[in-house]
Amino acid sequence: MEEEDSFANRFSKKTNQMPMFPIGMAAFGCIAAYGLYKFKNRKGPISLYLIQLRLAAQGSAVGIIGLGLFYNIYKDLVEPKFKP
């Protein structure tokens, strides 16, 4: 039972179910790291900084959803046409 509940096993199951999951996690990590770096070196009001960070996070989320949509369209419509 211990082996079934390991982080690596759960992560691989999520990756098989949702291929965009690791991309989303990586994007979140990058945006969080960038946000912490820019927060330390900011030159201006905090409110403007937070708005820009929120916009970056929302833009990456929309981009990842779009990539997932195009991946599913390709997998469902285009790929079967090339298989015998």
C-alpha atoms as a PDB file:
ATOM      1  CA  MET A   1       0.000   0.000   0.000  1.00  0.00           C
ATOM      2  CA  GLU A   2       2.898   2.325   0.766  1.00  0.00           C
ATOM      3  CA  GLU A   3       4.292   1.937  -2.738  1.00  0.00           C
ATOM      4  CA  GLU A   4       0.945   2.775  -4.385  1.00  0.00           C
ATOM      5  CA  ASP A   5       0.671   6.081  -2.551  1.00  0.00           C
ATOM      6  CA  SER A   6       4.150   7.376  -3.307  1.00  0.00           C
ATOM      7  CA  PHE A   7       4.510  10.812  -4.859  1.00  0.00           C
ATOM      8  CA  ALA A   8       6.207   9.494  -7.995  1.00  0.00           C
ATOM      9  CA  ASN A   9       3.454   6.947  -8.576  1.00  0.00           C
ATOM     10  CA  ARG A  10       0.668   9.494  -8.098  1.00  0.00           C
ATOM     11  CA  PHE A  11       2.476  11.998 -10.346  1.00  0.00           C
ATOM     12  CA  SER A  12       2.900   9.422 -13.133  1.00  0.00           C
ATOM     13  CA  LYS A  13      -0.805   8.506 -12.910  1.00  0.00           C
ATOM     14  CA  LYS A  14      -1.782  12.186 -13.154  1.00  0.00           C
ATOM     15  CA  THR A  15       0.565  12.614 -16.108  1.00  0.00           C
ATOM     16  CA  ASN A  16      -1.030   9.670 -17.918  1.00  0.00           C
ATOM     17  CA  GLN A  17      -4.540  10.974 -17.244  1.00  0.00           C
ATOM     18  CA  MET A  18      -3.753  14.618 -18.027  1.00  0.00           C
ATOM     19  CA  PRO A  19      -0.669  15.203 -20.210  1.00  0.00           C
ATOM     20  CA  MET A  20      -0.738  18.963 -19.578  1.00  0.00           C
ATOM     21  CA  PHE A  21      -0.424  18.531 -15.806  1.00  0.00           C
ATOM     22  CA  PRO A  22       3.405  18.565 -15.682  1.00  0.00           C
ATOM     23  CA  ILE A  23       3.514  21.538 -18.042  1.00  0.00           C
ATOM     24  CA  GLY A  24       1.127  23.418 -15.760  1.00  0.00           C
ATOM     25  CA  MET A  25       3.186  22.560 -12.707  1.00  0.00           C
ATOM     26  CA  ALA A  26       6.382  23.736 -14.427  1.00  0.00           C
ATOM     27  CA  ALA A  27       4.713  26.985 -15.529  1.00  0.00           C
ATOM     28  CA  PHE A  28       3.477  27.592 -11.995  1.00  0.00           C
ATOM     29  CA  GLY A  29       6.972  27.021 -10.614  1.00  0.00           C
ATOM     30  CA  CYS A  30       8.517  29.388 -13.155  1.00  0.00           C
ATOM     31  CA  ILE A  31       5.985  32.139 -12.501  1.00  0.00           C
ATOM     32  CA  ALA A  32       6.340  31.754  -8.725  1.00  0.00           C
ATOM     33  CA  ALA A  33      10.143  31.925  -8.949  1.00  0.00           C
ATOM     34  CA  TYR A  34       9.981  34.922 -11.280  1.00  0.00           C
ATOM     35  CA  GLY A  35       7.492  36.602  -8.953  1.00  0.00           C
ATOM     36  CA  LEU A  36       9.703  36.130  -5.917  1.00  0.00           C
ATOM     37  CA  TYR A  37      12.721  37.453  -7.800  1.00  0.00           C
ATOM     38  CA  LYS A  38      10.885  40.519  -9.093  1.00  0.00           C
ATOM     39  CA  PHE A  39       9.292  41.170  -5.689  1.00  0.00           C
ATOM     40  CA  LYS A  40      12.741  41.365  -4.145  1.00  0.00           C
ATOM     41  CA  ASN A  41      13.958  43.782  -6.853  1.00  0.00           C
ATOM     42  CA  ARG A  42      10.778  45.794  -7.454  1.00  0.00           C
ATOM     43  CA  LYS A  43      10.800  49.483  -8.254  1.00  0.00           C
ATOM     44  CA  GLY A  44       7.302  50.757  -7.809  1.00  0.00           C
ATOM     45  CA  PRO A  45       4.069  50.183  -5.947  1.00  0.00           C
ATOM     46  CA  ILE A  46       3.160  46.686  -4.777  1.00  0.00           C
ATOM     47  CA  SER A  47      -0.310  46.914  -6.343  1.00  0.00           C
ATOM     48  CA  LEU A  48       1.113  47.361  -9.852  1.00  0.00           C
ATOM     49  CA  TYR A  49       3.524  44.487  -9.294  1.00  0.00           C
ATOM     50  CA  LEU A  50       0.724  42.166  -8.108  1.00  0.00           C
ATOM     51  CA  ILE A  51      -1.460  43.048 -11.095  1.00  0.00           C
ATOM     52  CA  GLN A  52       1.373  42.220 -13.484  1.00  0.00           C
ATOM     53  CA  LEU A  53       2.079  38.930 -11.710  1.00  0.00           C
ATOM     54  CA  ARG A  54      -1.603  37.975 -11.798  1.00  0.00           C
ATOM     55  CA  LEU A  55      -1.715  38.757 -15.510  1.00  0.00           C
ATOM     56  CA  ALA A  56       1.304  36.522 -16.129  1.00  0.00           C
ATOM     57  CA  ALA A  57      -0.286  33.674 -14.168  1.00  0.00           C
ATOM     58  CA  GLN A  58      -3.622  33.987 -15.981  1.00  0.00           C
ATOM     59  CA  GLY A  59      -1.922  34.220 -19.365  1.00  0.00           C
ATOM     60  CA  SER A  60       0.065  31.059 -18.737  1.00  0.00           C
ATOM     61  CA  ALA A  61      -3.077  29.239 -17.583  1.00  0.00           C
ATOM     62  CA  VAL A  62      -4.955  30.235 -20.734  1.00  0.00           C
ATOM     63  CA  GLY A  63      -1.960  29.264 -22.879  1.00  0.00           C
ATOM     64  CA  ILE A  64      -1.701  25.831 -21.272  1.00  0.00           C
ATOM     65  CA  ILE A  65      -5.435  25.235 -21.688  1.00  0.00           C
ATOM     66  CA  GLY A  66      -5.095  26.216 -25.357  1.00  0.00           C
ATOM     67  CA  LEU A  67      -2.183  23.817 -25.825  1.00  0.00           C
ATOM     68  CA  GLY A  68      -4.231  21.048 -24.230  1.00  0.00           C
ATOM     69  CA  LEU A  69      -7.136  21.815 -26.530  1.00  0.00           C
ATOM     70  CA  PHE A  70      -4.970  21.641 -29.646  1.00  0.00           C
ATOM     71  CA  TYR A  71      -3.335  18.441 -28.387  1.00  0.00           C
ATOM     72  CA  ASN A  72      -6.741  16.781 -27.937  1.00  0.00           C
ATOM     73  CA  ILE A  73      -7.933  17.964 -31.346  1.00  0.00           C
ATOM     74  CA  TYR A  74      -4.816  16.527 -32.946  1.00  0.00           C
ATOM     75  CA  LYS A  75      -5.098  13.271 -31.011  1.00  0.00           C
ATOM     76  CA  ASP A  76      -8.816  12.795 -31.783  1.00  0.00           C
ATOM     77  CA  LEU A  77      -9.140  14.104 -35.330  1.00  0.00           C
ATOM     78  CA  VAL A  78      -5.817  14.241 -37.150  1.00  0.00           C
ATOM     79  CA  GLU A  79      -3.894  11.253 -35.792  1.00  0.00           C
ATOM     80  CA  PRO A  80      -6.538   8.601 -36.644  1.00  0.00           C
ATOM     81  CA  LYS A  81      -6.463   9.642 -40.317  1.00  0.00           C
ATOM     82  CA  PHE A  82      -2.810   8.627 -40.608  1.00  0.00           C
ATOM     83  CA  LYS A  83      -3.175   5.239 -38.919  1.00  0.00           C
ATOM     84  CA  PRO A  84      -3.979   2.237 -41.137  1.00  0.00           C
END
